[in-house]
Amino acid sequence: MAELQVLLEGVPLPAGKQELLDYAYTQDGHRLTPLLRQLPEREFRSLDELGEALRPVQPEWSRPASHESKPESGKPPGGAAYTDASAEPGAVREGGP
């Protein structure tokens, strides 16, 4: 892979698959072009992006199966005063937890 990146060091980016193939062919003939043929048909903005397309090294992020909300786990801290706008902050309440 490093050899391919050295070969493509002078290619003007962003470049599409065909531009990369043409550039590699003018620099090296047929030796490394088979590797470039594996690239997806899209534009590449950097050689690192190109390398990642050929040999992924970043972990794939999996999405959670669902985004359903979970049921409440109990009473809020402070009980009913949690939503009482007139409650005095930091005050000790009778019968409080």
PDB file of N, CA and C in Angstrom:
ATOM      1  N   MET A   1       0.821  -1.188   0.000  1.00  0.00           N
ATOM      2  CA  MET A   1       0.000   0.000   0.000  1.00  0.00           C
ATOM      3  C   MET A   1       0.868   1.257   0.000  1.00  0.00           C
ATOM      4  N   ALA A   2       1.948   1.243   0.777  1.00  0.00           N
ATOM      5  CA  ALA A   2       2.836   2.402   0.834  1.00  0.00           C
ATOM      6  C   ALA A   2       3.446   2.663  -0.535  1.00  0.00           C
ATOM      7  N   GLU A   3       3.751   1.604  -1.251  1.00  0.00           N
ATOM      8  CA  GLU A   3       4.330   1.748  -2.585  1.00  0.00           C
ATOM      9  C   GLU A   3       3.344   2.442  -3.529  1.00  0.00           C
ATOM     10  N   LEU A   4       2.078   2.106  -3.400  1.00  0.00           N
ATOM     11  CA  LEU A   4       1.050   2.740  -4.221  1.00  0.00           C
ATOM     12  C   LEU A   4       0.918   4.217  -3.881  1.00  0.00           C
ATOM     13  N   GLN A   5       0.970   4.552  -2.605  1.00  0.00           N
ATOM     14  CA  GLN A   5       0.863   5.956  -2.210  1.00  0.00           C
ATOM     15  C   GLN A   5       2.061   6.758  -2.703  1.00  0.00           C
ATOM     16  N   VAL A   6       3.239   6.159  -2.702  1.00  0.00           N
ATOM     17  CA  VAL A   6       4.424   6.841  -3.234  1.00  0.00           C
ATOM     18  C   VAL A   6       4.256   7.055  -4.737  1.00  0.00           C
ATOM     19  N   LEU A   7       3.745   6.061  -5.430  1.00  0.00           N
ATOM     20  CA  LEU A   7       3.525   6.158  -6.868  1.00  0.00           C
ATOM     21  C   LEU A   7       2.554   7.293  -7.208  1.00  0.00           C
ATOM     22  N   LEU A   8       1.528   7.461  -6.387  1.00  0.00           N
ATOM     23  CA  LEU A   8       0.492   8.463  -6.666  1.00  0.00           C
ATOM     24  C   LEU A   8       0.770   9.815  -6.015  1.00  0.00           C
ATOM     25  N   GLU A   9       1.939   9.985  -5.442  1.00  0.00           N
ATOM     26  CA  GLU A   9       2.263  11.199  -4.690  1.00  0.00           C
ATOM     27  C   GLU A   9       2.006  12.498  -5.476  1.00  0.00           C
ATOM     28  N   GLY A  10       2.205  12.511  -6.771  1.00  0.00           N
ATOM     29  CA  GLY A  10       2.050  13.738  -7.548  1.00  0.00           C
ATOM     30  C   GLY A  10       0.712  13.921  -8.230  1.00  0.00           C
ATOM     31  N   VAL A  11      -0.217  13.005  -8.026  1.00  0.00           N
ATOM     32  CA  VAL A  11      -1.506  13.093  -8.715  1.00  0.00           C
ATOM     33  C   VAL A  11      -2.302  14.290  -8.186  1.00  0.00           C
ATOM     34  N   PRO A  12      -2.891  15.085  -9.087  1.00  0.00           N
ATOM     35  CA  PRO A  12      -3.722  16.209  -8.628  1.00  0.00           C
ATOM     36  C   PRO A  12      -5.026  15.684  -8.006  1.00  0.00           C
ATOM     37  N   LEU A  13      -5.268  16.092  -6.777  1.00  0.00           N
ATOM     38  CA  LEU A  13      -6.470  15.653  -6.063  1.00  0.00           C
ATOM     39  C   LEU A  13      -7.422  16.823  -5.889  1.00  0.00           C
ATOM     40  N   PRO A  14      -8.709  16.635  -5.830  1.00  0.00           N
ATOM     41  CA  PRO A  14      -9.410  15.364  -5.871  1.00  0.00           C
ATOM     42  C   PRO A  14      -9.334  14.724  -7.250  1.00  0.00           C
ATOM     43  N   ALA A  15      -9.411  13.399  -7.262  1.00  0.00           N
ATOM     44  CA  ALA A  15      -9.328  12.641  -8.507  1.00  0.00           C
ATOM     45  C   ALA A  15     -10.249  11.434  -8.437  1.00  0.00           C
ATOM     46  N   GLY A  16     -10.827  11.107  -9.562  1.00  0.00           N
ATOM     47  CA  GLY A  16     -11.690   9.926  -9.666  1.00  0.00           C
ATOM     48  C   GLY A  16     -10.861   8.688  -9.957  1.00  0.00           C
ATOM     49  N   LYS A  17     -11.517   7.560  -9.948  1.00  0.00           N
ATOM     50  CA  LYS A  17     -10.855   6.277 -10.176  1.00  0.00           C
ATOM     51  C   LYS A  17     -10.099   6.266 -11.499  1.00  0.00           C
ATOM     52  N   GLN A  18     -10.730   6.713 -12.577  1.00  0.00           N
ATOM     53  CA  GLN A  18     -10.084   6.666 -13.889  1.00  0.00           C
ATOM     54  C   GLN A  18      -8.865   7.586 -13.944  1.00  0.00           C
ATOM     55  N   GLU A  19      -8.958   8.750 -13.322  1.00  0.00           N
ATOM     56  CA  GLU A  19      -7.808   9.664 -13.284  1.00  0.00           C
ATOM     57  C   GLU A  19      -6.637   9.028 -12.538  1.00  0.00           C
ATOM     58  N   LEU A  20      -6.929   8.339 -11.452  1.00  0.00           N
ATOM     59  CA  LEU A  20      -5.889   7.656 -10.681  1.00  0.00           C
ATOM     60  C   LEU A  20      -5.264   6.529 -11.491  1.00  0.00           C
ATOM     61  N   LEU A  21      -6.091   5.777 -12.206  1.00  0.00           N
ATOM     62  CA  LEU A  21      -5.580   4.699 -13.066  1.00  0.00           C
ATOM     63  C   LEU A  21      -4.678   5.259 -14.170  1.00  0.00           C
ATOM     64  N   ASP A  22      -5.123   6.325 -14.814  1.00  0.00           N
ATOM     65  CA  ASP A  22      -4.331   6.938 -15.888  1.00  0.00           C
ATOM     66  C   ASP A  22      -2.988   7.447 -15.361  1.00  0.00           C
ATOM     67  N   TYR A  23      -3.006   8.109 -14.224  1.00  0.00           N
ATOM     68  CA  TYR A  23      -1.784   8.651 -13.637  1.00  0.00           C
ATOM     69  C   TYR A  23      -0.827   7.519 -13.260  1.00  0.00           C
ATOM     70  N   ALA A  24      -1.349   6.482 -12.615  1.00  0.00           N
ATOM     71  CA  ALA A  24      -0.512   5.351 -12.209  1.00  0.00           C
ATOM     72  C   ALA A  24       0.103   4.678 -13.427  1.00  0.00           C
ATOM     73  N   TYR A  25      -0.662   4.563 -14.498  1.00  0.00           N
ATOM     74  CA  TYR A  25      -0.144   3.921 -15.712  1.00  0.00           C
ATOM     75  C   TYR A  25       1.005   4.731 -16.308  1.00  0.00           C
ATOM     76  N   THR A  26       0.878   6.062 -16.312  1.00  0.00           N
ATOM     77  CA  THR A  26       1.957   6.890 -16.879  1.00  0.00           C
ATOM     78  C   THR A  26       3.208   6.840 -16.003  1.00  0.00           C
ATOM     79  N   GLN A  27       3.046   6.596 -14.719  1.00  0.00           N
ATOM     80  CA  GLN A  27       4.182   6.562 -13.802  1.00  0.00           C
ATOM     81  C   GLN A  27       4.852   5.190 -13.732  1.00  0.00           C
ATOM     82  N   ASP A  28       4.048   4.128 -13.858  1.00  0.00           N
ATOM     83  CA  ASP A  28       4.561   2.802 -13.534  1.00  0.00           C
ATOM     84  C   ASP A  28       4.148   1.709 -14.514  1.00  0.00           C
ATOM     85  N   GLY A  29       3.382   2.024 -15.521  1.00  0.00           N
ATOM     86  CA  GLY A  29       2.911   0.970 -16.413  1.00  0.00           C
ATOM     87  C   GLY A  29       1.804   0.164 -15.756  1.00  0.00           C
ATOM     88  N   HIS A  30       1.853  -1.133 -15.930  1.00  0.00           N
ATOM     89  CA  HIS A  30       0.764  -2.002 -15.467  1.00  0.00           C
ATOM     90  C   HIS A  30       0.984  -2.611 -14.091  1.00  0.00           C
ATOM     91  N   ARG A  31       2.088  -2.351 -13.443  1.00  0.00           N
ATOM     92  CA  ARG A  31       2.434  -3.078 -12.220  1.00  0.00           C
ATOM     93  C   ARG A  31       1.431  -2.885 -11.077  1.00  0.00           C
ATOM     94  N   LEU A  32       1.022  -1.671 -10.786  1.00  0.00           N
ATOM     95  CA  LEU A  32       0.123  -1.437  -9.654  1.00  0.00           C
ATOM     96  C   LEU A  32      -1.310  -1.072 -10.061  1.00  0.00           C
ATOM     97  N   THR A  33      -1.571  -0.959 -11.359  1.00  0.00           N
ATOM     98  CA  THR A  33      -2.931  -0.595 -11.779  1.00  0.00           C
ATOM     99  C   THR A  33      -3.985  -1.643 -11.410  1.00  0.00           C
ATOM    100  N   PRO A  34      -3.653  -2.948 -11.340  1.00  0.00           N
ATOM    101  CA  PRO A  34      -4.705  -3.901 -10.907  1.00  0.00           C
ATOM    102  C   PRO A  34      -5.247  -3.592  -9.507  1.00  0.00           C
ATOM    103  N   LEU A  35      -4.397  -3.104  -8.644  1.00  0.00           N
ATOM    104  CA  LEU A  35      -4.843  -2.738  -7.302  1.00  0.00           C
ATOM    105  C   LEU A  35      -5.822  -1.565  -7.368  1.00  0.00           C
ATOM    106  N   LEU A  36      -5.531  -0.593  -8.224  1.00  0.00           N
ATOM    107  CA  LEU A  36      -6.412   0.578  -8.355  1.00  0.00           C
ATOM    108  C   LEU A  36      -7.752   0.219  -8.995  1.00  0.00           C
ATOM    109  N   ARG A  37      -7.798  -0.827  -9.763  1.00  0.00           N
ATOM    110  CA  ARG A  37      -9.067  -1.238 -10.387  1.00  0.00           C
ATOM    111  C   ARG A  37     -10.078  -1.695  -9.339  1.00  0.00           C
ATOM    112  N   GLN A  38      -9.617  -2.020  -8.148  1.00  0.00           N
ATOM    113  CA  GLN A  38     -10.509  -2.445  -7.065  1.00  0.00           C
ATOM    114  C   GLN A  38     -11.240  -1.264  -6.417  1.00  0.00           C
ATOM    115  N   LEU A  39     -10.815  -0.055  -6.713  1.00  0.00           N
ATOM    116  CA  LEU A  39     -11.422   1.132  -6.111  1.00  0.00           C
ATOM    117  C   LEU A  39     -12.874   1.298  -6.535  1.00  0.00           C
ATOM    118  N   PRO A  40     -13.707   1.833  -5.655  1.00  0.00           N
ATOM    119  CA  PRO A  40     -15.076   2.161  -6.060  1.00  0.00           C
ATOM    120  C   PRO A  40     -15.068   3.373  -6.985  1.00  0.00           C
ATOM    121  N   GLU A  41     -16.099   3.487  -7.776  1.00  0.00           N
ATOM    122  CA  GLU A  41     -16.229   4.628  -8.705  1.00  0.00           C
ATOM    123  C   GLU A  41     -16.666   5.858  -7.923  1.00  0.00           C
ATOM    124  N   ARG A  42     -15.712   6.650  -7.483  1.00  0.00           N
ATOM    125  CA  ARG A  42     -16.010   7.901  -6.792  1.00  0.00           C
ATOM    126  C   ARG A  42     -14.775   8.781  -6.819  1.00  0.00           C
ATOM    127  N   GLU A  43     -14.897   9.962  -6.261  1.00  0.00           N
ATOM    128  CA  GLU A  43     -13.789  10.902  -6.224  1.00  0.00           C
ATOM    129  C   GLU A  43     -13.066  10.791  -4.881  1.00  0.00           C
ATOM    130  N   PHE A  44     -11.747  10.843  -4.911  1.00  0.00           N
ATOM    131  CA  PHE A  44     -10.931  10.752  -3.709  1.00  0.00           C
ATOM    132  C   PHE A  44     -10.244  12.088  -3.480  1.00  0.00           C
ATOM    133  N   ARG A  45     -10.328  12.591  -2.228  1.00  0.00           N
ATOM    134  CA  ARG A  45      -9.763  13.897  -1.892  1.00  0.00           C
ATOM    135  C   ARG A  45      -8.353  13.803  -1.337  1.00  0.00           C
ATOM    136  N   SER A  46      -7.938  12.603  -0.911  1.00  0.00           N
ATOM    137  CA  SER A  46      -6.594  12.443  -0.363  1.00  0.00           C
ATOM    138  C   SER A  46      -6.106  11.020  -0.609  1.00  0.00           C
ATOM    139  N   LEU A  47      -4.789  10.843  -0.510  1.00  0.00           N
ATOM    140  CA  LEU A  47      -4.235   9.502  -0.679  1.00  0.00           C
ATOM    141  C   LEU A  47      -4.617   8.612   0.497  1.00  0.00           C
ATOM    142  N   ASP A  48      -4.800   9.197   1.668  1.00  0.00           N
ATOM    143  CA  ASP A  48      -5.247   8.411   2.818  1.00  0.00           C
ATOM    144  C   ASP A  48      -6.655   7.866   2.579  1.00  0.00           C
ATOM    145  N   GLU A  49      -7.503   8.696   1.995  1.00  0.00           N
ATOM    146  CA  GLU A  49      -8.869   8.269   1.681  1.00  0.00           C
ATOM    147  C   GLU A  49      -8.839   7.122   0.675  1.00  0.00           C
ATOM    148  N   LEU A  50      -7.962   7.223  -0.291  1.00  0.00           N
ATOM    149  CA  LEU A  50      -7.795   6.172  -1.295  1.00  0.00           C
ATOM    150  C   LEU A  50      -7.316   4.886  -0.631  1.00  0.00           C
ATOM    151  N   GLY A  51      -6.327   4.994   0.249  1.00  0.00           N
ATOM    152  CA  GLY A  51      -5.814   3.823   0.955  1.00  0.00           C
ATOM    153  C   GLY A  51      -6.883   3.167   1.806  1.00  0.00           C
ATOM    154  N   GLU A  52      -7.718   3.976   2.454  1.00  0.00           N
ATOM    155  CA  GLU A  52      -8.792   3.436   3.291  1.00  0.00           C
ATOM    156  C   GLU A  52      -9.812   2.689   2.437  1.00  0.00           C
ATOM    157  N   ALA A  53     -10.038   3.148   1.208  1.00  0.00           N
ATOM    158  CA  ALA A  53     -10.982   2.470   0.319  1.00  0.00           C
ATOM    159  C   ALA A  53     -10.449   1.103  -0.111  1.00  0.00           C
ATOM    160  N   LEU A  54      -9.120   0.993  -0.248  1.00  0.00           N
ATOM    161  CA  LEU A  54      -8.523  -0.278  -0.670  1.00  0.00           C
ATOM    162  C   LEU A  54      -8.320  -1.244   0.490  1.00  0.00           C
ATOM    163  N   ARG A  55      -7.840  -0.738   1.603  1.00  0.00           N
ATOM    164  CA  ARG A  55      -7.546  -1.566   2.776  1.00  0.00           C
ATOM    165  C   ARG A  55      -8.051  -0.857   4.031  1.00  0.00           C
ATOM    166  N   PRO A  56      -9.333  -1.007   4.365  1.00  0.00           N
ATOM    167  CA  PRO A  56      -9.879  -0.306   5.530  1.00  0.00           C
ATOM    168  C   PRO A  56      -9.127  -0.656   6.817  1.00  0.00           C
ATOM    169  N   VAL A  57      -8.771   0.378   7.564  1.00  0.00           N
ATOM    170  CA  VAL A  57      -8.120   0.170   8.851  1.00  0.00           C
ATOM    171  C   VAL A  57      -8.950   0.760   9.990  1.00  0.00           C
ATOM    172  N   GLN A  58      -9.915   1.593   9.654  1.00  0.00           N
ATOM    173  CA  GLN A  58     -10.777   2.186  10.675  1.00  0.00           C
ATOM    174  C   GLN A  58     -11.872   1.197  11.047  1.00  0.00           C
ATOM    175  N   PRO A  59     -12.246   1.135  12.324  1.00  0.00           N
ATOM    176  CA  PRO A  59     -13.330   0.220  12.719  1.00  0.00           C
ATOM    177  C   PRO A  59     -14.657   0.683  12.153  1.00  0.00           C
ATOM    178  N   GLU A  60     -15.504  -0.268  11.850  1.00  0.00           N
ATOM    179  CA  GLU A  60     -16.844   0.076  11.384  1.00  0.00           C
ATOM    180  C   GLU A  60     -17.718   0.343  12.596  1.00  0.00           C
ATOM    181  N   TRP A  61     -18.467   1.408  12.552  1.00  0.00           N
ATOM    182  CA  TRP A  61     -19.339   1.771  13.655  1.00  0.00           C
ATOM    183  C   TRP A  61     -20.684   1.135  13.421  1.00  0.00           C
ATOM    184  N   SER A  62     -21.142   0.387  14.386  1.00  0.00           N
ATOM    185  CA  SER A  62     -22.458  -0.235  14.246  1.00  0.00           C
ATOM    186  C   SER A  62     -23.501   0.657  14.908  1.00  0.00           C
ATOM    187  N   ARG A  63     -24.633   0.695  14.304  1.00  0.00           N
ATOM    188  CA  ARG A  63     -25.735   1.492  14.842  1.00  0.00           C
ATOM    189  C   ARG A  63     -26.549   0.616  15.773  1.00  0.00           C
ATOM    190  N   PRO A  64     -27.098   1.197  16.837  1.00  0.00           N
ATOM    191  CA  PRO A  64     -27.968   0.416  17.716  1.00  0.00           C
ATOM    192  C   PRO A  64     -29.155  -0.133  16.940  1.00  0.00           C
ATOM    193  N   ALA A  65     -29.647  -1.285  17.348  1.00  0.00           N
ATOM    194  CA  ALA A  65     -30.748  -1.941  16.644  1.00  0.00           C
ATOM    195  C   ALA A  65     -31.991  -1.051  16.578  1.00  0.00           C
ATOM    196  N   SER A  66     -32.290  -0.353  17.662  1.00  0.00           N
ATOM    197  CA  SER A  66     -33.449   0.535  17.631  1.00  0.00           C
ATOM    198  C   SER A  66     -33.190   1.738  18.523  1.00  0.00           C
ATOM    199  N   HIS A  67     -33.946   2.760  18.286  1.00  0.00           N
ATOM    200  CA  HIS A  67     -33.815   3.979  19.065  1.00  0.00           C
ATOM    201  C   HIS A  67     -35.051   4.203  19.933  1.00  0.00           C
ATOM    202  N   GLU A  68     -35.665   3.112  20.375  1.00  0.00           N
ATOM    203  CA  GLU A  68     -36.860   3.234  21.203  1.00  0.00           C
ATOM    204  C   GLU A  68     -36.470   3.746  22.583  1.00  0.00           C
ATOM    205  N   SER A  69     -37.327   4.600  23.127  1.00  0.00           N
ATOM    206  CA  SER A  69     -37.048   5.103  24.468  1.00  0.00           C
ATOM    207  C   SER A  69     -37.325   4.011  25.491  1.00  0.00           C
ATOM    208  N   LYS A  70     -36.622   4.091  26.583  1.00  0.00           N
ATOM    209  CA  LYS A  70     -36.778   3.102  27.645  1.00  0.00           C
ATOM    210  C   LYS A  70     -37.736   3.662  28.688  1.00  0.00           C
ATOM    211  N   PRO A  71     -38.436   2.784  29.413  1.00  0.00           N
ATOM    212  CA  PRO A  71     -39.358   3.269  30.444  1.00  0.00           C
ATOM    213  C   PRO A  71     -38.603   3.952  31.577  1.00  0.00           C
ATOM    214  N   GLU A  72     -39.288   4.851  32.265  1.00  0.00           N
ATOM    215  CA  GLU A  72     -38.695   5.553  33.407  1.00  0.00           C
ATOM    216  C   GLU A  72     -38.245   4.540  34.445  1.00  0.00           C
ATOM    217  N   SER A  73     -37.164   4.847  35.128  1.00  0.00           N
ATOM    218  CA  SER A  73     -36.610   3.905  36.095  1.00  0.00           C
ATOM    219  C   SER A  73     -37.058   4.193  37.523  1.00  0.00           C
ATOM    220  N   GLY A  74     -37.956   5.105  37.719  1.00  0.00           N
ATOM    221  CA  GLY A  74     -38.425   5.407  39.071  1.00  0.00           C
ATOM    222  C   GLY A  74     -38.741   6.884  39.206  1.00  0.00           C
ATOM    223  N   LYS A  75     -38.888   7.307  40.443  1.00  0.00           N
ATOM    224  CA  LYS A  75     -39.208   8.706  40.710  1.00  0.00           C
ATOM    225  C   LYS A  75     -37.979   9.580  40.454  1.00  0.00           C
ATOM    226  N   PRO A  76     -38.205  10.827  40.029  1.00  0.00           N
ATOM    227  CA  PRO A  76     -37.067  11.724  39.833  1.00  0.00           C
ATOM    228  C   PRO A  76     -36.452  12.101  41.180  1.00  0.00           C
ATOM    229  N   PRO A  77     -35.200  12.525  41.194  1.00  0.00           N
ATOM    230  CA  PRO A  77     -34.592  12.936  42.459  1.00  0.00           C
ATOM    231  C   PRO A  77     -35.358  14.119  43.050  1.00  0.00           C
ATOM    232  N   GLY A  78     -35.678  14.057  44.320  1.00  0.00           N
ATOM    233  CA  GLY A  78     -36.433  15.140  44.956  1.00  0.00           C
ATOM    234  C   GLY A  78     -37.927  14.948  44.873  1.00  0.00           C
ATOM    235  N   GLY A  79     -38.391  13.867  44.282  1.00  0.00           N
ATOM    236  CA  GLY A  79     -39.822  13.585  44.209  1.00  0.00           C
ATOM    237  C   GLY A  79     -40.572  14.634  43.405  1.00  0.00           C
ATOM    238  N   ALA A  80     -41.757  15.044  43.909  1.00  0.00           N
ATOM    239  CA  ALA A  80     -42.619  15.997  43.200  1.00  0.00           C
ATOM    240  C   ALA A  80     -41.982  17.377  43.091  1.00  0.00           C
ATOM    241  N   ALA A  81     -41.053  17.712  44.009  1.00  0.00           N
ATOM    242  CA  ALA A  81     -40.403  19.022  43.973  1.00  0.00           C
ATOM    243  C   ALA A  81     -39.495  19.161  42.748  1.00  0.00           C
ATOM    244  N   TYR A  82     -39.186  18.084  42.109  1.00  0.00           N
ATOM    245  CA  TYR A  82     -38.323  18.106  40.933  1.00  0.00           C
ATOM    246  C   TYR A  82     -38.905  18.992  39.842  1.00  0.00           C
ATOM    247  N   THR A  83     -40.227  18.984  39.726  1.00  0.00           N
ATOM    248  CA  THR A  83     -40.894  19.789  38.693  1.00  0.00           C
ATOM    249  C   THR A  83     -41.623  20.997  39.271  1.00  0.00           C
ATOM    250  N   ASP A  84     -41.466  21.260  40.563  1.00  0.00           N
ATOM    251  CA  ASP A  84     -42.136  22.388  41.231  1.00  0.00           C
ATOM    252  C   ASP A  84     -41.255  23.632  41.111  1.00  0.00           C
ATOM    253  N   ALA A  85     -41.702  24.579  40.304  1.00  0.00           N
ATOM    254  CA  ALA A  85     -40.904  25.792  40.070  1.00  0.00           C
ATOM    255  C   ALA A  85     -40.806  26.669  41.311  1.00  0.00           C
ATOM    256  N   SER A  86     -41.734  26.523  42.273  1.00  0.00           N
ATOM    257  CA  SER A  86     -41.696  27.374  43.463  1.00  0.00           C
ATOM    258  C   SER A  86     -40.854  26.784  44.592  1.00  0.00           C
ATOM    259  N   ALA A  87     -40.342  25.580  44.417  1.00  0.00           N
ATOM    260  CA  ALA A  87     -39.528  24.951  45.468  1.00  0.00           C
ATOM    261  C   ALA A  87     -38.227  25.727  45.638  1.00  0.00           C
ATOM    262  N   GLU A  88     -37.809  25.873  46.888  1.00  0.00           N
ATOM    263  CA  GLU A  88     -36.574  26.608  47.188  1.00  0.00           C
ATOM    264  C   GLU A  88     -35.385  25.678  46.932  1.00  0.00           C
ATOM    265  N   PRO A  89     -34.444  26.102  46.093  1.00  0.00           N
ATOM    266  CA  PRO A  89     -33.303  25.245  45.809  1.00  0.00           C
ATOM    267  C   PRO A  89     -32.480  24.985  47.049  1.00  0.00           C
ATOM    268  N   GLY A  90     -32.097  23.742  47.258  1.00  0.00           N
ATOM    269  CA  GLY A  90     -31.229  23.377  48.376  1.00  0.00           C
ATOM    270  C   GLY A  90     -31.931  23.280  49.716  1.00  0.00           C
ATOM    271  N   ALA A  91     -33.229  23.557  49.787  1.00  0.00           N
ATOM    272  CA  ALA A  91     -33.947  23.510  51.064  1.00  0.00           C
ATOM    273  C   ALA A  91     -34.238  22.059  51.434  1.00  0.00           C
ATOM    274  N   VAL A  92     -34.252  21.803  52.757  1.00  0.00           N
ATOM    275  CA  VAL A  92     -34.609  20.474  53.240  1.00  0.00           C
ATOM    276  C   VAL A  92     -36.120  20.412  53.346  1.00  0.00           C
ATOM    277  N   ARG A  93     -36.717  19.432  52.742  1.00  0.00           N
ATOM    278  CA  ARG A  93     -38.176  19.311  52.743  1.00  0.00           C
ATOM    279  C   ARG A  93     -38.598  18.263  53.770  1.00  0.00           C
ATOM    280  N   GLU A  94     -39.716  18.525  54.440  1.00  0.00           N
ATOM    281  CA  GLU A  94     -40.271  17.530  55.358  1.00  0.00           C
ATOM    282  C   GLU A  94     -40.737  16.349  54.520  1.00  0.00           C
ATOM    283  N   GLY A  95     -40.432  15.198  54.998  1.00  0.00           N
ATOM    284  CA  GLY A  95     -40.864  13.994  54.305  1.00  0.00           C
ATOM    285  C   GLY A  95     -40.058  13.723  53.049  1.00  0.00           C
ATOM    286  N   GLY A  96     -39.003  14.492  52.821  1.00  0.00           N
ATOM    287  CA  GLY A  96     -38.164  14.272  51.639  1.00  0.00           C
ATOM    288  C   GLY A  96     -37.271  13.048  51.793  1.00  0.00           C
ATOM    289  N   PRO A  97     -36.711  12.615  50.729  1.00  0.00           N
ATOM    290  CA  PRO A  97     -35.873  11.422  50.778  1.00  0.00           C
ATOM    291  C   PRO A  97     -34.597  11.627  51.570  1.00  0.00           C
TER     292      PRO A  97
END
